[in-house]
Amino acid sequence: MKENILKQKTYDFALKVISVYKQIVAQHKEFVLSKQFLKAGTAPGALVREAEYGQSKPDFISKLSIALKEANECEYWTCLLKDSEYISHVTFEDLQADNKEIIYMLVKSVKTAKSNL
């Protein structure tokens, strides 16, 4: 069976987001921004898993499109956390690099799926 790289990358990213979330809560006692970041950062992985067994090609495309929106939202929260000094520049760069790769993969996947309708 072929390895699903997007599935693995979104799962690994979700684990990284959870770890950063736990640090923010423990160190800064911040719960509002970090919770939004947690939701947006873990959602793409769940949506990729949902898409895997989509009911139809349009359902598959819809799930991946929503995952893309969530990844984009995660980028927003990550920037906000950095600019408000809840996370370091190093942590920000690490998260952004992974998230941009996921966004790129999702864009390509959605375009490919749409072209094969």
PDB file of N, CA and C in Angstrom:
ATOM      1  N   MET A   1       0.835  -1.184   0.000  1.00  0.00           N
ATOM      2  CA  MET A   1       0.000   0.000   0.000  1.00  0.00           C
ATOM      3  C   MET A   1       0.881   1.249   0.000  1.00  0.00           C
ATOM      4  N   LYS A   2       0.502   2.245  -0.792  1.00  0.00           N
ATOM      5  CA  LYS A   2       1.278   3.471  -0.939  1.00  0.00           C
ATOM      6  C   LYS A   2       1.168   4.346   0.312  1.00  0.00           C
ATOM      7  N   GLU A   3       2.298   4.880   0.739  1.00  0.00           N
ATOM      8  CA  GLU A   3       2.332   5.756   1.910  1.00  0.00           C
ATOM      9  C   GLU A   3       1.661   7.084   1.575  1.00  0.00           C
ATOM     10  N   ASN A   4       0.855   7.585   2.482  1.00  0.00           N
ATOM     11  CA  ASN A   4       0.188   8.870   2.295  1.00  0.00           C
ATOM     12  C   ASN A   4       1.005   9.940   3.022  1.00  0.00           C
ATOM     13  N   ILE A   5       1.808  10.665   2.263  1.00  0.00           N
ATOM     14  CA  ILE A   5       2.712  11.660   2.851  1.00  0.00           C
ATOM     15  C   ILE A   5       1.934  12.800   3.498  1.00  0.00           C
ATOM     16  N   LEU A   6       0.873  13.255   2.847  1.00  0.00           N
ATOM     17  CA  LEU A   6       0.068  14.345   3.394  1.00  0.00           C
ATOM     18  C   LEU A   6      -0.559  13.938   4.728  1.00  0.00           C
ATOM     19  N   LYS A   7      -1.048  12.729   4.800  1.00  0.00           N
ATOM     20  CA  LYS A   7      -1.637  12.201   6.038  1.00  0.00           C
ATOM     21  C   LYS A   7      -0.602  12.219   7.166  1.00  0.00           C
ATOM     22  N   GLN A   8       0.616  11.772   6.879  1.00  0.00           N
ATOM     23  CA  GLN A   8       1.665  11.727   7.896  1.00  0.00           C
ATOM     24  C   GLN A   8       2.129  13.127   8.295  1.00  0.00           C
ATOM     25  N   LYS A   9       2.295  14.015   7.316  1.00  0.00           N
ATOM     26  CA  LYS A   9       2.763  15.372   7.617  1.00  0.00           C
ATOM     27  C   LYS A   9       1.742  16.149   8.449  1.00  0.00           C
ATOM     28  N   THR A  10       0.459  15.983   8.132  1.00  0.00           N
ATOM     29  CA  THR A  10      -0.550  16.695   8.915  1.00  0.00           C
ATOM     30  C   THR A  10      -0.652  16.124  10.335  1.00  0.00           C
ATOM     31  N   TYR A  11      -0.430  14.834  10.472  1.00  0.00           N
ATOM     32  CA  TYR A  11      -0.443  14.213  11.806  1.00  0.00           C
ATOM     33  C   TYR A  11       0.755  14.715  12.629  1.00  0.00           C
ATOM     34  N   ASP A  12       1.930  14.699  12.015  1.00  0.00           N
ATOM     35  CA  ASP A  12       3.134  15.174  12.706  1.00  0.00           C
ATOM     36  C   ASP A  12       3.009  16.654  13.080  1.00  0.00           C
ATOM     37  N   PHE A  13       2.418  17.432  12.172  1.00  0.00           N
ATOM     38  CA  PHE A  13       2.218  18.854  12.452  1.00  0.00           C
ATOM     39  C   PHE A  13       1.254  19.030  13.626  1.00  0.00           C
ATOM     40  N   ALA A  14       0.193  18.252  13.670  1.00  0.00           N
ATOM     41  CA  ALA A  14      -0.761  18.328  14.774  1.00  0.00           C
ATOM     42  C   ALA A  14      -0.070  18.036  16.108  1.00  0.00           C
ATOM     43  N   LEU A  15       0.805  17.049  16.119  1.00  0.00           N
ATOM     44  CA  LEU A  15       1.550  16.750  17.350  1.00  0.00           C
ATOM     45  C   LEU A  15       2.427  17.923  17.769  1.00  0.00           C
ATOM     46  N   LYS A  16       3.053  18.569  16.795  1.00  0.00           N
ATOM     47  CA  LYS A  16       3.896  19.737  17.083  1.00  0.00           C
ATOM     48  C   LYS A  16       3.034  20.882  17.628  1.00  0.00           C
ATOM     49  N   VAL A  17       1.874  21.099  17.039  1.00  0.00           N
ATOM     50  CA  VAL A  17       0.961  22.148  17.494  1.00  0.00           C
ATOM     51  C   VAL A  17       0.518  21.869  18.931  1.00  0.00           C
ATOM     52  N   ILE A  18       0.187  20.637  19.229  1.00  0.00           N
ATOM     53  CA  ILE A  18      -0.219  20.266  20.591  1.00  0.00           C
ATOM     54  C   ILE A  18       0.898  20.572  21.583  1.00  0.00           C
ATOM     55  N   SER A  19       2.119  20.249  21.211  1.00  0.00           N
ATOM     56  CA  SER A  19       3.263  20.508  22.087  1.00  0.00           C
ATOM     57  C   SER A  19       3.439  22.010  22.339  1.00  0.00           C
ATOM     58  N   VAL A  20       3.355  22.811  21.294  1.00  0.00           N
ATOM     59  CA  VAL A  20       3.488  24.267  21.442  1.00  0.00           C
ATOM     60  C   VAL A  20       2.329  24.815  22.271  1.00  0.00           C
ATOM     61  N   TYR A  21       1.126  24.330  22.017  1.00  0.00           N
ATOM     62  CA  TYR A  21      -0.053  24.750  22.786  1.00  0.00           C
ATOM     63  C   TYR A  21       0.171  24.494  24.284  1.00  0.00           C
ATOM     64  N   LYS A  22       0.642  23.308  24.623  1.00  0.00           N
ATOM     65  CA  LYS A  22       0.877  22.960  26.028  1.00  0.00           C
ATOM     66  C   LYS A  22       1.910  23.893  26.661  1.00  0.00           C
ATOM     67  N   GLN A  23       2.931  24.265  25.901  1.00  0.00           N
ATOM     68  CA  GLN A  23       3.951  25.189  26.418  1.00  0.00           C
ATOM     69  C   GLN A  23       3.361  26.579  26.666  1.00  0.00           C
ATOM     70  N   ILE A  24       2.559  27.052  25.731  1.00  0.00           N
ATOM     71  CA  ILE A  24       1.952  28.378  25.877  1.00  0.00           C
ATOM     72  C   ILE A  24       1.060  28.419  27.114  1.00  0.00           C
ATOM     73  N   VAL A  25       0.250  27.400  27.285  1.00  0.00           N
ATOM     74  CA  VAL A  25      -0.656  27.345  28.425  1.00  0.00           C
ATOM     75  C   VAL A  25       0.135  27.259  29.737  1.00  0.00           C
ATOM     76  N   ALA A  26       1.164  26.426  29.748  1.00  0.00           N
ATOM     77  CA  ALA A  26       1.950  26.249  30.978  1.00  0.00           C
ATOM     78  C   ALA A  26       2.769  27.495  31.323  1.00  0.00           C
ATOM     79  N   GLN A  27       3.414  28.088  30.324  1.00  0.00           N
ATOM     80  CA  GLN A  27       4.322  29.207  30.586  1.00  0.00           C
ATOM     81  C   GLN A  27       3.615  30.555  30.711  1.00  0.00           C
ATOM     82  N   HIS A  28       2.587  30.761  29.907  1.00  0.00           N
ATOM     83  CA  HIS A  28       1.966  32.080  29.843  1.00  0.00           C
ATOM     84  C   HIS A  28       0.538  32.131  30.384  1.00  0.00           C
ATOM     85  N   LYS A  29      -0.017  30.961  30.689  1.00  0.00           N
ATOM     86  CA  LYS A  29      -1.410  30.887  31.146  1.00  0.00           C
ATOM     87  C   LYS A  29      -2.339  31.603  30.148  1.00  0.00           C
ATOM     88  N   GLU A  30      -2.058  31.405  28.867  1.00  0.00           N
ATOM     89  CA  GLU A  30      -2.849  32.011  27.794  1.00  0.00           C
ATOM     90  C   GLU A  30      -3.745  30.924  27.220  1.00  0.00           C
ATOM     91  N   PHE A  31      -5.050  31.194  27.134  1.00  0.00           N
ATOM     92  CA  PHE A  31      -5.982  30.151  26.735  1.00  0.00           C
ATOM     93  C   PHE A  31      -6.823  30.473  25.504  1.00  0.00           C
ATOM     94  N   VAL A  32      -6.950  31.724  25.122  1.00  0.00           N
ATOM     95  CA  VAL A  32      -7.832  32.090  24.021  1.00  0.00           C
ATOM     96  C   VAL A  32      -7.131  31.927  22.675  1.00  0.00           C
ATOM     97  N   LEU A  33      -6.046  32.647  22.465  1.00  0.00           N
ATOM     98  CA  LEU A  33      -5.299  32.541  21.204  1.00  0.00           C
ATOM     99  C   LEU A  33      -4.757  31.132  21.004  1.00  0.00           C
ATOM    100  N   SER A  34      -4.236  30.561  22.059  1.00  0.00           N
ATOM    101  CA  SER A  34      -3.637  29.231  21.948  1.00  0.00           C
ATOM    102  C   SER A  34      -4.674  28.167  21.603  1.00  0.00           C
ATOM    103  N   LYS A  35      -5.896  28.310  22.101  1.00  0.00           N
ATOM    104  CA  LYS A  35      -6.956  27.344  21.785  1.00  0.00           C
ATOM    105  C   LYS A  35      -7.338  27.448  20.306  1.00  0.00           C
ATOM    106  N   GLN A  36      -7.402  28.658  19.774  1.00  0.00           N
ATOM    107  CA  GLN A  36      -7.692  28.849  18.347  1.00  0.00           C
ATOM    108  C   GLN A  36      -6.588  28.222  17.498  1.00  0.00           C
ATOM    109  N   PHE A  37      -5.353  28.436  17.914  1.00  0.00           N
ATOM    110  CA  PHE A  37      -4.182  27.860  17.241  1.00  0.00           C
ATOM    111  C   PHE A  37      -4.255  26.337  17.279  1.00  0.00           C
ATOM    112  N   LEU A  38      -4.620  25.786  18.431  1.00  0.00           N
ATOM    113  CA  LEU A  38      -4.735  24.334  18.589  1.00  0.00           C
ATOM    114  C   LEU A  38      -5.791  23.767  17.640  1.00  0.00           C
ATOM    115  N   LYS A  39      -6.946  24.402  17.589  1.00  0.00           N
ATOM    116  CA  LYS A  39      -8.027  23.919  16.723  1.00  0.00           C
ATOM    117  C   LYS A  39      -7.631  23.971  15.250  1.00  0.00           C
ATOM    118  N   ALA A  40      -7.085  25.116  14.832  1.00  0.00           N
ATOM    119  CA  ALA A  40      -6.721  25.280  13.418  1.00  0.00           C
ATOM    120  C   ALA A  40      -5.539  24.391  13.035  1.00  0.00           C
ATOM    121  N   GLY A  41      -4.643  24.145  13.967  1.00  0.00           N
ATOM    122  CA  GLY A  41      -3.451  23.347  13.678  1.00  0.00           C
ATOM    123  C   GLY A  41      -3.676  21.848  13.651  1.00  0.00           C
ATOM    124  N   THR A  42      -4.711  21.394  14.338  1.00  0.00           N
ATOM    125  CA  THR A  42      -4.993  19.959  14.347  1.00  0.00           C
ATOM    126  C   THR A  42      -6.075  19.572  13.336  1.00  0.00           C
ATOM    127  N   ALA A  43      -6.860  20.538  12.899  1.00  0.00           N
ATOM    128  CA  ALA A  43      -7.968  20.257  11.974  1.00  0.00           C
ATOM    129  C   ALA A  43      -7.519  19.694  10.619  1.00  0.00           C
ATOM    130  N   PRO A  44      -6.447  20.203   9.994  1.00  0.00           N
ATOM    131  CA  PRO A  44      -6.088  19.659   8.674  1.00  0.00           C
ATOM    132  C   PRO A  44      -5.860  18.147   8.687  1.00  0.00           C
ATOM    133  N   GLY A  45      -5.222  17.642   9.702  1.00  0.00           N
ATOM    134  CA  GLY A  45      -4.981  16.203   9.793  1.00  0.00           C
ATOM    135  C   GLY A  45      -6.270  15.410   9.878  1.00  0.00           C
ATOM    136  N   ALA A  46      -7.203  15.909  10.684  1.00  0.00           N
ATOM    137  CA  ALA A  46      -8.495  15.223  10.814  1.00  0.00           C
ATOM    138  C   ALA A  46      -9.258  15.262   9.499  1.00  0.00           C
ATOM    139  N   LEU A  47      -9.197  16.381   8.813  1.00  0.00           N
ATOM    140  CA  LEU A  47      -9.905  16.518   7.538  1.00  0.00           C
ATOM    141  C   LEU A  47      -9.278  15.665   6.434  1.00  0.00           C
ATOM    142  N   VAL A  48      -7.966  15.556   6.446  1.00  0.00           N
ATOM    143  CA  VAL A  48      -7.294  14.674   5.479  1.00  0.00           C
ATOM    144  C   VAL A  48      -7.734  13.235   5.727  1.00  0.00           C
ATOM    145  N   ARG A  49      -7.845  12.862   6.988  1.00  0.00           N
ATOM    146  CA  ARG A  49      -8.326  11.510   7.318  1.00  0.00           C
ATOM    147  C   ARG A  49      -9.774  11.317   6.868  1.00  0.00           C
ATOM    148  N   GLU A  50     -10.605  12.334   7.051  1.00  0.00           N
ATOM    149  CA  GLU A  50     -11.994  12.240   6.593  1.00  0.00           C
ATOM    150  C   GLU A  50     -12.050  12.102   5.075  1.00  0.00           C
ATOM    151  N   ALA A  51     -11.236  12.857   4.380  1.00  0.00           N
ATOM    152  CA  ALA A  51     -11.224  12.842   2.907  1.00  0.00           C
ATOM    153  C   ALA A  51     -10.832  11.475   2.369  1.00  0.00           C
ATOM    154  N   GLU A  52     -10.001  10.795   3.126  1.00  0.00           N
ATOM    155  CA  GLU A  52      -9.512   9.476   2.715  1.00  0.00           C
ATOM    156  C   GLU A  52     -10.664   8.523   2.374  1.00  0.00           C
ATOM    157  N   TYR A  53     -11.753   8.647   3.093  1.00  0.00           N
ATOM    158  CA  TYR A  53     -12.920   7.797   2.855  1.00  0.00           C
ATOM    159  C   TYR A  53     -14.139   8.643   2.502  1.00  0.00           C
ATOM    160  N   GLY A  54     -13.888   9.670   1.707  1.00  0.00           N
ATOM    161  CA  GLY A  54     -14.982  10.537   1.273  1.00  0.00           C
ATOM    162  C   GLY A  54     -16.045   9.754   0.528  1.00  0.00           C
ATOM    163  N   GLN A  55     -17.272  10.238   0.600  1.00  0.00           N
ATOM    164  CA  GLN A  55     -18.390   9.555  -0.029  1.00  0.00           C
ATOM    165  C   GLN A  55     -18.355   9.669  -1.547  1.00  0.00           C
ATOM    166  N   SER A  56     -17.685  10.705  -2.042  1.00  0.00           N
ATOM    167  CA  SER A  56     -17.610  10.939  -3.475  1.00  0.00           C
ATOM    168  C   SER A  56     -16.400  11.819  -3.760  1.00  0.00           C
ATOM    169  N   LYS A  57     -16.101  11.994  -5.021  1.00  0.00           N
ATOM    170  CA  LYS A  57     -14.991  12.868  -5.401  1.00  0.00           C
ATOM    171  C   LYS A  57     -15.255  14.306  -4.934  1.00  0.00           C
ATOM    172  N   PRO A  58     -16.479  14.853  -5.121  1.00  0.00           N
ATOM    173  CA  PRO A  58     -16.742  16.195  -4.584  1.00  0.00           C
ATOM    174  C   PRO A  58     -16.589  16.281  -3.063  1.00  0.00           C
ATOM    175  N   ASP A  59     -16.973  15.228  -2.348  1.00  0.00           N
ATOM    176  CA  ASP A  59     -16.807  15.202  -0.900  1.00  0.00           C
ATOM    177  C   ASP A  59     -15.320  15.213  -0.539  1.00  0.00           C
ATOM    178  N   PHE A  60     -14.539  14.431  -1.263  1.00  0.00           N
ATOM    179  CA  PHE A  60     -13.080  14.393  -1.081  1.00  0.00           C
ATOM    180  C   PHE A  60     -12.490  15.787  -1.277  1.00  0.00           C
ATOM    181  N   ILE A  61     -12.883  16.443  -2.359  1.00  0.00           N
ATOM    182  CA  ILE A  61     -12.376  17.784  -2.667  1.00  0.00           C
ATOM    183  C   ILE A  61     -12.805  18.774  -1.590  1.00  0.00           C
ATOM    184  N   SER A  62     -14.042  18.661  -1.136  1.00  0.00           N
ATOM    185  CA  SER A  62     -14.548  19.551  -0.100  1.00  0.00           C
ATOM    186  C   SER A  62     -13.745  19.419   1.190  1.00  0.00           C
ATOM    187  N   LYS A  63     -13.487  18.194   1.605  1.00  0.00           N
ATOM    188  CA  LYS A  63     -12.726  17.964   2.845  1.00  0.00           C
ATOM    189  C   LYS A  63     -11.311  18.536   2.739  1.00  0.00           C
ATOM    190  N   LEU A  64     -10.658  18.310   1.594  1.00  0.00           N
ATOM    191  CA  LEU A  64      -9.307  18.841   1.414  1.00  0.00           C
ATOM    192  C   LEU A  64      -9.316  20.361   1.332  1.00  0.00           C
ATOM    193  N   SER A  65     -10.360  20.924   0.747  1.00  0.00           N
ATOM    194  CA  SER A  65     -10.481  22.384   0.666  1.00  0.00           C
ATOM    195  C   SER A  65     -10.662  22.994   2.055  1.00  0.00           C
ATOM    196  N   ILE A  66     -11.433  22.341   2.894  1.00  0.00           N
ATOM    197  CA  ILE A  66     -11.609  22.816   4.267  1.00  0.00           C
ATOM    198  C   ILE A  66     -10.292  22.672   5.039  1.00  0.00           C
ATOM    199  N   ALA A  67      -9.564  21.585   4.802  1.00  0.00           N
ATOM    200  CA  ALA A  67      -8.248  21.408   5.435  1.00  0.00           C
ATOM    201  C   ALA A  67      -7.318  22.549   5.042  1.00  0.00           C
ATOM    202  N   LEU A  68      -7.390  22.949   3.786  1.00  0.00           N
ATOM    203  CA  LEU A  68      -6.573  24.064   3.298  1.00  0.00           C
ATOM    204  C   LEU A  68      -6.951  25.367   4.017  1.00  0.00           C
ATOM    205  N   LYS A  69      -8.235  25.612   4.179  1.00  0.00           N
ATOM    206  CA  LYS A  69      -8.683  26.803   4.900  1.00  0.00           C
ATOM    207  C   LYS A  69      -8.195  26.787   6.347  1.00  0.00           C
ATOM    208  N   GLU A  70      -8.240  25.631   6.979  1.00  0.00           N
ATOM    209  CA  GLU A  70      -7.780  25.509   8.366  1.00  0.00           C
ATOM    210  C   GLU A  70      -6.271  25.744   8.472  1.00  0.00           C
ATOM    211  N   ALA A  71      -5.527  25.210   7.516  1.00  0.00           N
ATOM    212  CA  ALA A  71      -4.068  25.422   7.517  1.00  0.00           C
ATOM    213  C   ALA A  71      -3.747  26.899   7.341  1.00  0.00           C
ATOM    214  N   ASN A  72      -4.501  27.571   6.498  1.00  0.00           N
ATOM    215  CA  ASN A  72      -4.308  29.001   6.315  1.00  0.00           C
ATOM    216  C   ASN A  72      -4.651  29.763   7.595  1.00  0.00           C
ATOM    217  N   GLU A  73      -5.726  29.355   8.257  1.00  0.00           N
ATOM    218  CA  GLU A  73      -6.082  29.976   9.529  1.00  0.00           C
ATOM    219  C   GLU A  73      -4.995  29.741  10.577  1.00  0.00           C
ATOM    220  N   CYS A  74      -4.409  28.553  10.566  1.00  0.00           N
ATOM    221  CA  CYS A  74      -3.327  28.248  11.510  1.00  0.00           C
ATOM    222  C   CYS A  74      -2.143  29.189  11.300  1.00  0.00           C
ATOM    223  N   GLU A  75      -1.883  29.509  10.037  1.00  0.00           N
ATOM    224  CA  GLU A  75      -0.803  30.461   9.733  1.00  0.00           C
ATOM    225  C   GLU A  75      -1.085  31.815  10.404  1.00  0.00           C
ATOM    226  N   TYR A  76      -2.323  32.256  10.341  1.00  0.00           N
ATOM    227  CA  TYR A  76      -2.723  33.512  10.993  1.00  0.00           C
ATOM    228  C   TYR A  76      -2.453  33.463  12.497  1.00  0.00           C
ATOM    229  N   TRP A  77      -2.930  32.406  13.153  1.00  0.00           N
ATOM    230  CA  TRP A  77      -2.758  32.312  14.605  1.00  0.00           C
ATOM    231  C   TRP A  77      -1.294  32.201  14.983  1.00  0.00           C
ATOM    232  N   THR A  78      -0.511  31.515  14.162  1.00  0.00           N
ATOM    233  CA  THR A  78       0.926  31.381  14.436  1.00  0.00           C
ATOM    234  C   THR A  78       1.602  32.749  14.372  1.00  0.00           C
ATOM    235  N   CYS A  79       1.253  33.535  13.365  1.00  0.00           N
ATOM    236  CA  CYS A  79       1.806  34.895  13.248  1.00  0.00           C
ATOM    237  C   CYS A  79       1.406  35.742  14.452  1.00  0.00           C
ATOM    238  N   LEU A  80       0.152  35.637  14.853  1.00  0.00           N
ATOM    239  CA  LEU A  80      -0.337  36.398  15.992  1.00  0.00           C
ATOM    240  C   LEU A  80       0.380  35.994  17.284  1.00  0.00           C
ATOM    241  N   LEU A  81       0.595  34.712  17.470  1.00  0.00           N
ATOM    242  CA  LEU A  81       1.311  34.239  18.658  1.00  0.00           C
ATOM    243  C   LEU A  81       2.757  34.730  18.675  1.00  0.00           C
ATOM    244  N   LYS A  82       3.389  34.775  17.512  1.00  0.00           N
ATOM    245  CA  LYS A  82       4.767  35.282  17.445  1.00  0.00           C
ATOM    246  C   LYS A  82       4.799  36.778  17.722  1.00  0.00           C
ATOM    247  N   ASP A  83       3.927  37.521  17.052  1.00  0.00           N
ATOM    248  CA  ASP A  83       3.940  38.971  17.193  1.00  0.00           C
ATOM    249  C   ASP A  83       3.512  39.439  18.578  1.00  0.00           C
ATOM    250  N   SER A  84       2.756  38.629  19.288  1.00  0.00           N
ATOM    251  CA  SER A  84       2.381  38.960  20.668  1.00  0.00           C
ATOM    252  C   SER A  84       3.344  38.330  21.679  1.00  0.00           C
ATOM    253  N   GLU A  85       4.398  37.719  21.160  1.00  0.00           N
ATOM    254  CA  GLU A  85       5.516  37.168  21.940  1.00  0.00           C
ATOM    255  C   GLU A  85       5.131  35.996  22.838  1.00  0.00           C
ATOM    256  N   TYR A  86       4.154  35.215  22.397  1.00  0.00           N
ATOM    257  CA  TYR A  86       3.836  33.977  23.107  1.00  0.00           C
ATOM    258  C   TYR A  86       4.706  32.818  22.639  1.00  0.00           C
ATOM    259  N   ILE A  87       5.222  32.918  21.402  1.00  0.00           N
ATOM    260  CA  ILE A  87       6.162  31.909  20.900  1.00  0.00           C
ATOM    261  C   ILE A  87       7.397  32.625  20.363  1.00  0.00           C
ATOM    262  N   SER A  88       8.506  31.917  20.364  1.00  0.00           N
ATOM    263  CA  SER A  88       9.760  32.491  19.886  1.00  0.00           C
ATOM    264  C   SER A  88       9.796  32.517  18.360  1.00  0.00           C
ATOM    265  N   HIS A  89      10.722  33.290  17.843  1.00  0.00           N
ATOM    266  CA  HIS A  89      10.900  33.362  16.389  1.00  0.00           C
ATOM    267  C   HIS A  89      11.310  31.998  15.838  1.00  0.00           C
ATOM    268  N   VAL A  90      12.119  31.267  16.583  1.00  0.00           N
ATOM    269  CA  VAL A  90      12.562  29.932  16.153  1.00  0.00           C
ATOM    270  C   VAL A  90      11.365  28.981  16.058  1.00  0.00           C
ATOM    271  N   THR A  91      10.520  28.983  17.068  1.00  0.00           N
ATOM    272  CA  THR A  91       9.315  28.141  17.050  1.00  0.00           C
ATOM    273  C   THR A  91       8.409  28.553  15.894  1.00  0.00           C
ATOM    274  N   PHE A  92       8.255  29.848  15.703  1.00  0.00           N
ATOM    275  CA  PHE A  92       7.439  30.367  14.610  1.00  0.00           C
ATOM    276  C   PHE A  92       7.957  29.863  13.264  1.00  0.00           C
ATOM    277  N   GLU A  93       9.242  29.997  13.025  1.00  0.00           N
ATOM    278  CA  GLU A  93       9.825  29.578  11.743  1.00  0.00           C
ATOM    279  C   GLU A  93       9.635  28.079  11.504  1.00  0.00           C
ATOM    280  N   ASP A  94       9.790  27.303  12.548  1.00  0.00           N
ATOM    281  CA  ASP A  94       9.616  25.850  12.445  1.00  0.00           C
ATOM    282  C   ASP A  94       8.169  25.507  12.072  1.00  0.00           C
ATOM    283  N   LEU A  95       7.226  26.128  12.772  1.00  0.00           N
ATOM    284  CA  LEU A  95       5.808  25.886  12.483  1.00  0.00           C
ATOM    285  C   LEU A  95       5.436  26.367  11.088  1.00  0.00           C
ATOM    286  N   GLN A  96       5.907  27.542  10.720  1.00  0.00           N
ATOM    287  CA  GLN A  96       5.573  28.096   9.407  1.00  0.00           C
ATOM    288  C   GLN A  96       6.106  27.229   8.276  1.00  0.00           C
ATOM    289  N   ALA A  97       7.312  26.739   8.423  1.00  0.00           N
ATOM    290  CA  ALA A  97       7.896  25.893   7.372  1.00  0.00           C
ATOM    291  C   ALA A  97       7.041  24.646   7.145  1.00  0.00           C
ATOM    292  N   ASP A  98       6.652  24.007   8.238  1.00  0.00           N
ATOM    293  CA  ASP A  98       5.817  22.799   8.122  1.00  0.00           C
ATOM    294  C   ASP A  98       4.442  23.135   7.551  1.00  0.00           C
ATOM    295  N   ASN A  99       3.843  24.219   8.056  1.00  0.00           N
ATOM    296  CA  ASN A  99       2.501  24.574   7.618  1.00  0.00           C
ATOM    297  C   ASN A  99       2.481  24.982   6.144  1.00  0.00           C
ATOM    298  N   LYS A 100       3.485  25.717   5.703  1.00  0.00           N
ATOM    299  CA  LYS A 100       3.544  26.117   4.292  1.00  0.00           C
ATOM    300  C   LYS A 100       3.681  24.894   3.389  1.00  0.00           C
ATOM    301  N   GLU A 101       4.428  23.905   3.828  1.00  0.00           N
ATOM    302  CA  GLU A 101       4.550  22.668   3.061  1.00  0.00           C
ATOM    303  C   GLU A 101       3.199  21.949   2.968  1.00  0.00           C
ATOM    304  N   ILE A 102       2.474  21.920   4.065  1.00  0.00           N
ATOM    305  CA  ILE A 102       1.151  21.302   4.080  1.00  0.00           C
ATOM    306  C   ILE A 102       0.196  22.069   3.165  1.00  0.00           C
ATOM    307  N   ILE A 103       0.228  23.389   3.245  1.00  0.00           N
ATOM    308  CA  ILE A 103      -0.612  24.209   2.370  1.00  0.00           C
ATOM    309  C   ILE A 103      -0.309  23.916   0.908  1.00  0.00           C
ATOM    310  N   TYR A 104       0.963  23.869   0.572  1.00  0.00           N
ATOM    311  CA  TYR A 104       1.377  23.576  -0.803  1.00  0.00           C
ATOM    312  C   TYR A 104       0.829  22.219  -1.256  1.00  0.00           C
ATOM    313  N   MET A 105       0.974  21.216  -0.405  1.00  0.00           N
ATOM    314  CA  MET A 105       0.505  19.874  -0.744  1.00  0.00           C
ATOM    315  C   MET A 105      -1.020  19.836  -0.892  1.00  0.00           C
ATOM    316  N   LEU A 106      -1.713  20.557  -0.035  1.00  0.00           N
ATOM    317  CA  LEU A 106      -3.173  20.594  -0.126  1.00  0.00           C
ATOM    318  C   LEU A 106      -3.637  21.297  -1.401  1.00  0.00           C
ATOM    319  N   VAL A 107      -2.986  22.394  -1.744  1.00  0.00           N
ATOM    320  CA  VAL A 107      -3.337  23.105  -2.980  1.00  0.00           C
ATOM    321  C   VAL A 107      -3.160  22.184  -4.178  1.00  0.00           C
ATOM    322  N   LYS A 108      -2.023  21.502  -4.228  1.00  0.00           N
ATOM    323  CA  LYS A 108      -1.757  20.571  -5.337  1.00  0.00           C
ATOM    324  C   LYS A 108      -2.770  19.437  -5.360  1.00  0.00           C
ATOM    325  N   SER A 109      -3.105  18.897  -4.209  1.00  0.00           N
ATOM    326  CA  SER A 109      -4.060  17.788  -4.127  1.00  0.00           C
ATOM    327  C   SER A 109      -5.449  18.209  -4.596  1.00  0.00           C
ATOM    328  N   VAL A 110      -5.885  19.393  -4.174  1.00  0.00           N
ATOM    329  CA  VAL A 110      -7.203  19.885  -4.577  1.00  0.00           C
ATOM    330  C   VAL A 110      -7.229  20.132  -6.085  1.00  0.00           C
ATOM    331  N   LYS A 111      -6.183  20.759  -6.612  1.00  0.00           N
ATOM    332  CA  LYS A 111      -6.124  21.024  -8.055  1.00  0.00           C
ATOM    333  C   LYS A 111      -6.131  19.714  -8.857  1.00  0.00           C
ATOM    334  N   THR A 112      -5.371  18.742  -8.409  1.00  0.00           N
ATOM    335  CA  THR A 112      -5.318  17.458  -9.100  1.00  0.00           C
ATOM    336  C   THR A 112      -6.675  16.758  -9.057  1.00  0.00           C
ATOM    337  N   ALA A 113      -7.307  16.757  -7.891  1.00  0.00           N
ATOM    338  CA  ALA A 113      -8.609  16.120  -7.744  1.00  0.00           C
ATOM    339  C   ALA A 113      -9.656  16.806  -8.622  1.00  0.00           C
ATOM    340  N   LYS A 114      -9.613  18.130  -8.668  1.00  0.00           N
ATOM    341  CA  LYS A 114     -10.577  18.879  -9.490  1.00  0.00           C
ATOM    342  C   LYS A 114     -10.367  18.604 -10.988  1.00  0.00           C
ATOM    343  N   SER A 115      -9.116  18.462 -11.374  1.00  0.00           N
ATOM    344  CA  SER A 115      -8.833  18.212 -12.795  1.00  0.00           C
ATOM    345  C   SER A 115      -9.254  16.808 -13.233  1.00  0.00           C
ATOM    346  N   ASN A 116      -9.415  15.911 -12.261  1.00  0.00           N
ATOM    347  CA  ASN A 116      -9.815  14.529 -12.556  1.00  0.00           C
ATOM    348  C   ASN A 116     -11.302  14.266 -12.348  1.00  0.00           C
ATOM    349  N   LEU A 117     -12.089  15.320 -12.229  1.00  0.00           N
ATOM    350  CA  LEU A 117     -13.542  15.142 -12.035  1.00  0.00           C
ATOM    351  C   LEU A 117     -14.203  14.609 -13.285  1.00  0.00           C
TER     352      LEU A 117
END
